[in-house]
Amino acid sequence: MNPVELARIRNIAEYELERKTWRPQMMALKDRRRVRVGGHVTFLFENRETVRYQIQEMLRIERIVEPEAVRHELDSYNELIPRRGELSASLLIEYESEPERAVALHELLGLENHVWLAVEGEPPSSARFDTRQISTERLSAVQYVKFPLTPEQRARWRDGVRILIDHPQYQAEQALTAEQLEELGRDFE
């Protein structure tokens, strides 16, 4: 999947006008690409449009207008776009209270070795975490992960897919719905 190009980024004023109609479409797209695994982990699978939306929102919220700063945001968020043969997601660790979240983020150290994507009939793929989000004391509540898929996994994608977490402090799994299989399958077709 190609990165978002600078020419596709609107200035803040243009984006404000576009946002009124584009935001509801993007929320619907993100809903189709969101997978909740257990009670506290959500994967938001990224593509070029979700990344472009995130860039536009960041520029809007932070009032970023300087060309160098815009380019920095573009370069940073383009890392989330899946490359050929892989899926990419923002993994969100969600707890209601700050004290509970702080404890969980410490207890979930090592999560990067316990997240899998399993395509029916094929060996599971281990998630590749962005190690910049991990410290030796606690995780960040937002992680960026990629799932490399073999040609066999891509060919059998519609047979069924589950996301598995087998961390000692958090075990859960979730099968993707038919709608999610269809939506995410477009990322590598």
C-alpha atoms as a PDB file:
ATOM      1  CA  MET A   1       0.000   0.000   0.000  1.00  0.00           C
ATOM      2  CA  ASN A   2       1.443   3.358  -0.994  1.00  0.00           C
ATOM      3  CA  PRO A   3       2.070   6.068   1.617  1.00  0.00           C
ATOM      4  CA  VAL A   4      -0.036   9.201   1.941  1.00  0.00           C
ATOM      5  CA  GLU A   5       1.458  11.872  -0.283  1.00  0.00           C
ATOM      6  CA  LEU A   6       1.875  15.475   0.796  1.00  0.00           C
ATOM      7  CA  ALA A   7      -0.395  16.547  -2.076  1.00  0.00           C
ATOM      8  CA  ARG A   8      -3.287  14.688  -0.378  1.00  0.00           C
ATOM      9  CA  ILE A   9      -2.945  16.691   2.847  1.00  0.00           C
ATOM     10  CA  ARG A  10      -5.236  19.712   3.127  1.00  0.00           C
ATOM     11  CA  ASN A  11      -4.387  22.883   4.975  1.00  0.00           C
ATOM     12  CA  ILE A  12      -6.372  23.435   8.166  1.00  0.00           C
ATOM     13  CA  ALA A  13      -8.952  25.749   6.565  1.00  0.00           C
ATOM     14  CA  GLU A  14      -9.630  23.388   3.637  1.00  0.00           C
ATOM     15  CA  TYR A  15      -9.786  20.431   6.003  1.00  0.00           C
ATOM     16  CA  GLU A  16     -12.356  22.123   8.249  1.00  0.00           C
ATOM     17  CA  LEU A  17     -14.691  22.357   5.239  1.00  0.00           C
ATOM     18  CA  GLU A  18     -14.009  18.783   4.111  1.00  0.00           C
ATOM     19  CA  ARG A  19     -14.226  17.377   7.650  1.00  0.00           C
ATOM     20  CA  LYS A  20     -17.981  17.864   7.977  1.00  0.00           C
ATOM     21  CA  THR A  21     -18.704  15.215   5.381  1.00  0.00           C
ATOM     22  CA  TRP A  22     -15.501  13.163   5.581  1.00  0.00           C
ATOM     23  CA  ARG A  23     -15.459  12.518   9.354  1.00  0.00           C
ATOM     24  CA  PRO A  24     -18.661  10.398   9.458  1.00  0.00           C
ATOM     25  CA  GLN A  25     -17.325   8.306   6.567  1.00  0.00           C
ATOM     26  CA  MET A  26     -14.033   7.799   8.394  1.00  0.00           C
ATOM     27  CA  MET A  27     -15.754   6.835  11.646  1.00  0.00           C
ATOM     28  CA  ALA A  28     -17.727   4.181   9.747  1.00  0.00           C
ATOM     29  CA  LEU A  29     -14.525   2.918   8.102  1.00  0.00           C
ATOM     30  CA  LYS A  30     -12.725   2.740  11.450  1.00  0.00           C
ATOM     31  CA  ASP A  31     -15.668   0.851  12.965  1.00  0.00           C
ATOM     32  CA  ARG A  32     -15.317  -1.824  10.260  1.00  0.00           C
ATOM     33  CA  ARG A  33     -11.580  -2.037  10.981  1.00  0.00           C
ATOM     34  CA  ARG A  34     -11.825  -2.206  14.811  1.00  0.00           C
ATOM     35  CA  VAL A  35     -11.416  -5.560  16.578  1.00  0.00           C
ATOM     36  CA  ARG A  36     -11.903  -5.828  20.346  1.00  0.00           C
ATOM     37  CA  VAL A  37      -9.963  -8.701  21.926  1.00  0.00           C
ATOM     38  CA  GLY A  38     -11.093  -9.335  25.483  1.00  0.00           C
ATOM     39  CA  GLY A  39     -12.171  -6.526  27.756  1.00  0.00           C
ATOM     40  CA  HIS A  40      -9.177  -4.201  27.475  1.00  0.00           C
ATOM     41  CA  VAL A  41      -7.432  -4.496  24.092  1.00  0.00           C
ATOM     42  CA  THR A  42      -8.609  -3.078  20.782  1.00  0.00           C
ATOM     43  CA  PHE A  43      -6.904  -3.321  17.414  1.00  0.00           C
ATOM     44  CA  LEU A  44      -7.609  -0.578  14.890  1.00  0.00           C
ATOM     45  CA  PHE A  45      -6.317  -1.834  11.571  1.00  0.00           C
ATOM     46  CA  GLU A  46      -4.802   0.984   9.564  1.00  0.00           C
ATOM     47  CA  ASN A  47      -4.823   1.728   5.863  1.00  0.00           C
ATOM     48  CA  ARG A  48      -3.997   4.758   3.748  1.00  0.00           C
ATOM     49  CA  GLU A  49      -7.322   6.479   4.455  1.00  0.00           C
ATOM     50  CA  THR A  50      -7.258   5.947   8.231  1.00  0.00           C
ATOM     51  CA  VAL A  51      -3.701   7.289   8.295  1.00  0.00           C
ATOM     52  CA  ARG A  52      -4.598  10.314   6.164  1.00  0.00           C
ATOM     53  CA  TYR A  53      -7.494  11.020   8.507  1.00  0.00           C
ATOM     54  CA  GLN A  54      -5.214  10.729  11.555  1.00  0.00           C
ATOM     55  CA  ILE A  55      -2.689  13.117  10.004  1.00  0.00           C
ATOM     56  CA  GLN A  56      -5.399  15.647   9.190  1.00  0.00           C
ATOM     57  CA  GLU A  57      -6.839  15.424  12.691  1.00  0.00           C
ATOM     58  CA  MET A  58      -3.400  15.835  14.286  1.00  0.00           C
ATOM     59  CA  LEU A  59      -2.669  18.897  12.158  1.00  0.00           C
ATOM     60  CA  ARG A  60      -6.058  20.325  13.098  1.00  0.00           C
ATOM     61  CA  ILE A  61      -5.816  19.638  16.845  1.00  0.00           C
ATOM     62  CA  GLU A  62      -2.198  20.737  17.205  1.00  0.00           C
ATOM     63  CA  ARG A  63      -2.654  23.656  14.734  1.00  0.00           C
ATOM     64  CA  ILE A  64       0.364  22.455  12.753  1.00  0.00           C
ATOM     65  CA  VAL A  65       0.999  24.593   9.664  1.00  0.00           C
ATOM     66  CA  GLU A  66       4.779  24.819   9.251  1.00  0.00           C
ATOM     67  CA  PRO A  67       5.890  22.720   6.230  1.00  0.00           C
ATOM     68  CA  GLU A  68       8.632  20.908   8.174  1.00  0.00           C
ATOM     69  CA  ALA A  69       6.225  20.003  10.973  1.00  0.00           C
ATOM     70  CA  VAL A  70       3.594  18.807   8.492  1.00  0.00           C
ATOM     71  CA  ARG A  71       6.233  16.651   6.768  1.00  0.00           C
ATOM     72  CA  HIS A  72       7.251  15.196  10.155  1.00  0.00           C
ATOM     73  CA  GLU A  73       3.642  14.164  10.904  1.00  0.00           C
ATOM     74  CA  LEU A  74       3.291  12.699   7.415  1.00  0.00           C
ATOM     75  CA  ASP A  75       6.508  10.687   7.736  1.00  0.00           C
ATOM     76  CA  SER A  76       5.633   9.482  11.250  1.00  0.00           C
ATOM     77  CA  TYR A  77       2.112   8.333  10.453  1.00  0.00           C
ATOM     78  CA  ASN A  78       3.037   6.805   7.091  1.00  0.00           C
ATOM     79  CA  GLU A  79       4.917   4.162   9.091  1.00  0.00           C
ATOM     80  CA  LEU A  80       1.487   2.786  10.079  1.00  0.00           C
ATOM     81  CA  ILE A  81       0.482   1.964   6.514  1.00  0.00           C
ATOM     82  CA  PRO A  82       0.819  -1.754   5.856  1.00  0.00           C
ATOM     83  CA  ARG A  83       3.366  -2.866   3.310  1.00  0.00           C
ATOM     84  CA  ARG A  84       2.705  -5.527   0.738  1.00  0.00           C
ATOM     85  CA  GLY A  85       1.663  -8.800   2.372  1.00  0.00           C
ATOM     86  CA  GLU A  86       1.063  -7.447   5.863  1.00  0.00           C
ATOM     87  CA  LEU A  87      -1.548  -5.870   8.081  1.00  0.00           C
ATOM     88  CA  SER A  88      -0.856  -2.940  10.366  1.00  0.00           C
ATOM     89  CA  ALA A  89      -2.756  -1.876  13.471  1.00  0.00           C
ATOM     90  CA  SER A  90      -2.791   0.499  16.369  1.00  0.00           C
ATOM     91  CA  LEU A  91      -3.216  -1.634  19.479  1.00  0.00           C
ATOM     92  CA  LEU A  92      -5.012   0.244  22.248  1.00  0.00           C
ATOM     93  CA  ILE A  93      -4.808  -0.908  25.862  1.00  0.00           C
ATOM     94  CA  GLU A  94      -7.902   0.512  27.540  1.00  0.00           C
ATOM     95  CA  TYR A  95      -8.723   0.717  31.241  1.00  0.00           C
ATOM     96  CA  GLU A  96     -11.232   3.135  32.763  1.00  0.00           C
ATOM     97  CA  SER A  97      -9.174   4.493  35.640  1.00  0.00           C
ATOM     98  CA  GLU A  98      -5.628   5.799  35.557  1.00  0.00           C
ATOM     99  CA  PRO A  99      -4.502   3.704  38.576  1.00  0.00           C
ATOM    100  CA  GLU A 100      -5.887   0.523  37.004  1.00  0.00           C
ATOM    101  CA  ARG A 101      -4.254   1.397  33.648  1.00  0.00           C
ATOM    102  CA  ALA A 102      -0.890   2.088  35.315  1.00  0.00           C
ATOM    103  CA  VAL A 103      -0.911  -1.327  37.001  1.00  0.00           C
ATOM    104  CA  ALA A 104      -1.967  -3.105  33.795  1.00  0.00           C
ATOM    105  CA  LEU A 105       0.671  -1.403  31.655  1.00  0.00           C
ATOM    106  CA  HIS A 106       3.325  -2.664  34.058  1.00  0.00           C
ATOM    107  CA  GLU A 107       1.821  -6.166  34.292  1.00  0.00           C
ATOM    108  CA  LEU A 108       1.620  -6.451  30.497  1.00  0.00           C
ATOM    109  CA  LEU A 109       5.363  -6.104  29.960  1.00  0.00           C
ATOM    110  CA  GLY A 110       6.379  -8.689  27.404  1.00  0.00           C
ATOM    111  CA  LEU A 111       3.092  -8.373  25.492  1.00  0.00           C
ATOM    112  CA  GLU A 112       5.115  -8.087  22.278  1.00  0.00           C
ATOM    113  CA  ASN A 113       5.811 -11.838  22.535  1.00  0.00           C
ATOM    114  CA  HIS A 114       2.177 -12.847  23.064  1.00  0.00           C
ATOM    115  CA  VAL A 115       0.049 -11.442  20.236  1.00  0.00           C
ATOM    116  CA  TRP A 116      -0.821 -13.588  17.219  1.00  0.00           C
ATOM    117  CA  LEU A 117      -2.922 -13.536  14.088  1.00  0.00           C
ATOM    118  CA  ALA A 118      -4.134 -17.030  13.181  1.00  0.00           C
ATOM    119  CA  VAL A 119      -5.530 -17.819   9.748  1.00  0.00           C
ATOM    120  CA  GLU A 120      -7.559 -21.039   9.694  1.00  0.00           C
ATOM    121  CA  GLY A 121      -5.382 -24.004   8.683  1.00  0.00           C
ATOM    122  CA  GLU A 122      -2.075 -22.091   8.808  1.00  0.00           C
ATOM    123  CA  PRO A 123       0.517 -21.461  11.531  1.00  0.00           C
ATOM    124  CA  PRO A 124      -0.155 -18.156  13.347  1.00  0.00           C
ATOM    125  CA  SER A 125       1.844 -14.996  12.680  1.00  0.00           C
ATOM    126  CA  SER A 126       3.436 -13.217  15.607  1.00  0.00           C
ATOM    127  CA  ALA A 127       2.784  -9.489  15.817  1.00  0.00           C
ATOM    128  CA  ARG A 128       5.794  -7.278  15.222  1.00  0.00           C
ATOM    129  CA  PHE A 129       5.678  -4.393  17.701  1.00  0.00           C
ATOM    130  CA  ASP A 130       7.283  -1.007  17.229  1.00  0.00           C
ATOM    131  CA  THR A 131       9.897  -1.274  19.976  1.00  0.00           C
ATOM    132  CA  ARG A 132       9.985   2.522  20.444  1.00  0.00           C
ATOM    133  CA  GLN A 133       6.702   2.172  22.373  1.00  0.00           C
ATOM    134  CA  ILE A 134       8.087  -0.310  24.919  1.00  0.00           C
ATOM    135  CA  SER A 135      10.242   0.378  27.953  1.00  0.00           C
ATOM    136  CA  THR A 136      11.598  -1.913  30.635  1.00  0.00           C
ATOM    137  CA  GLU A 137       9.136  -0.558  33.222  1.00  0.00           C
ATOM    138  CA  ARG A 138       5.813  -0.313  31.416  1.00  0.00           C
ATOM    139  CA  LEU A 139       4.130  -0.351  28.040  1.00  0.00           C
ATOM    140  CA  SER A 140       2.628   2.598  26.298  1.00  0.00           C
ATOM    141  CA  ALA A 141      -1.186   2.373  26.143  1.00  0.00           C
ATOM    142  CA  VAL A 142      -0.910   2.703  22.357  1.00  0.00           C
ATOM    143  CA  GLN A 143       1.207   0.201  20.470  1.00  0.00           C
ATOM    144  CA  TYR A 144       1.874  -0.041  16.729  1.00  0.00           C
ATOM    145  CA  VAL A 145       1.928  -3.599  15.413  1.00  0.00           C
ATOM    146  CA  LYS A 146       2.322  -5.303  12.077  1.00  0.00           C
ATOM    147  CA  PHE A 147       1.308  -8.811  11.092  1.00  0.00           C
ATOM    148  CA  PRO A 148       3.337 -10.265   8.206  1.00  0.00           C
ATOM    149  CA  LEU A 149       1.251 -12.760   6.245  1.00  0.00           C
ATOM    150  CA  THR A 150       2.555 -15.599   4.132  1.00  0.00           C
ATOM    151  CA  PRO A 151       1.120 -16.187   0.657  1.00  0.00           C
ATOM    152  CA  GLU A 152      -0.677 -19.232   2.113  1.00  0.00           C
ATOM    153  CA  GLN A 153      -2.265 -17.150   4.877  1.00  0.00           C
ATOM    154  CA  ARG A 154      -3.409 -14.548   2.350  1.00  0.00           C
ATOM    155  CA  ALA A 155      -4.869 -17.265   0.119  1.00  0.00           C
ATOM    156  CA  ARG A 156      -6.822 -18.779   3.038  1.00  0.00           C
ATOM    157  CA  TRP A 157      -7.829 -15.419   4.579  1.00  0.00           C
ATOM    158  CA  ARG A 158     -11.551 -15.907   3.959  1.00  0.00           C
ATOM    159  CA  ASP A 159     -11.462 -19.316   5.702  1.00  0.00           C
ATOM    160  CA  GLY A 160     -11.386 -17.502   9.049  1.00  0.00           C
ATOM    161  CA  VAL A 161      -9.018 -15.458  11.168  1.00  0.00           C
ATOM    162  CA  ARG A 162      -8.569 -15.018  14.915  1.00  0.00           C
ATOM    163  CA  ILE A 163      -6.473 -12.623  16.936  1.00  0.00           C
ATOM    164  CA  LEU A 164      -4.958 -14.313  19.988  1.00  0.00           C
ATOM    165  CA  ILE A 165      -3.324 -12.881  23.089  1.00  0.00           C
ATOM    166  CA  ASP A 166      -1.645 -15.417  25.364  1.00  0.00           C
ATOM    167  CA  HIS A 167       0.146 -13.184  27.870  1.00  0.00           C
ATOM    168  CA  PRO A 168       0.251 -14.610  31.429  1.00  0.00           C
ATOM    169  CA  GLN A 169      -1.705 -11.573  32.673  1.00  0.00           C
ATOM    170  CA  TYR A 170      -4.110 -11.308  29.721  1.00  0.00           C
ATOM    171  CA  GLN A 171      -5.538 -14.152  27.663  1.00  0.00           C
ATOM    172  CA  ALA A 172      -8.181 -13.514  25.042  1.00  0.00           C
ATOM    173  CA  GLU A 173      -9.048 -14.238  21.458  1.00  0.00           C
ATOM    174  CA  GLN A 174     -11.454 -12.859  18.903  1.00  0.00           C
ATOM    175  CA  ALA A 175     -12.553 -14.182  15.529  1.00  0.00           C
ATOM    176  CA  LEU A 176     -12.920 -11.610  12.769  1.00  0.00           C
ATOM    177  CA  THR A 177     -16.411 -11.190  11.376  1.00  0.00           C
ATOM    178  CA  ALA A 178     -17.189 -11.703   7.695  1.00  0.00           C
ATOM    179  CA  GLU A 179     -17.332  -7.908   7.306  1.00  0.00           C
ATOM    180  CA  GLN A 180     -13.911  -7.521   8.937  1.00  0.00           C
ATOM    181  CA  LEU A 181     -12.422 -10.276   6.777  1.00  0.00           C
ATOM    182  CA  GLU A 182     -13.724  -8.498   3.681  1.00  0.00           C
ATOM    183  CA  GLU A 183     -12.519  -5.061   4.806  1.00  0.00           C
ATOM    184  CA  LEU A 184      -9.053  -6.116   5.956  1.00  0.00           C
ATOM    185  CA  GLY A 185      -8.557  -8.497   3.028  1.00  0.00           C
ATOM    186  CA  ARG A 186      -8.465  -5.445   0.760  1.00  0.00           C
ATOM    187  CA  ASP A 187      -5.230  -4.351   2.429  1.00  0.00           C
ATOM    188  CA  PHE A 188      -3.211  -7.070   0.758  1.00  0.00           C
ATOM    189  CA  GLU A 189      -5.242  -7.835  -2.370  1.00  0.00           C
END
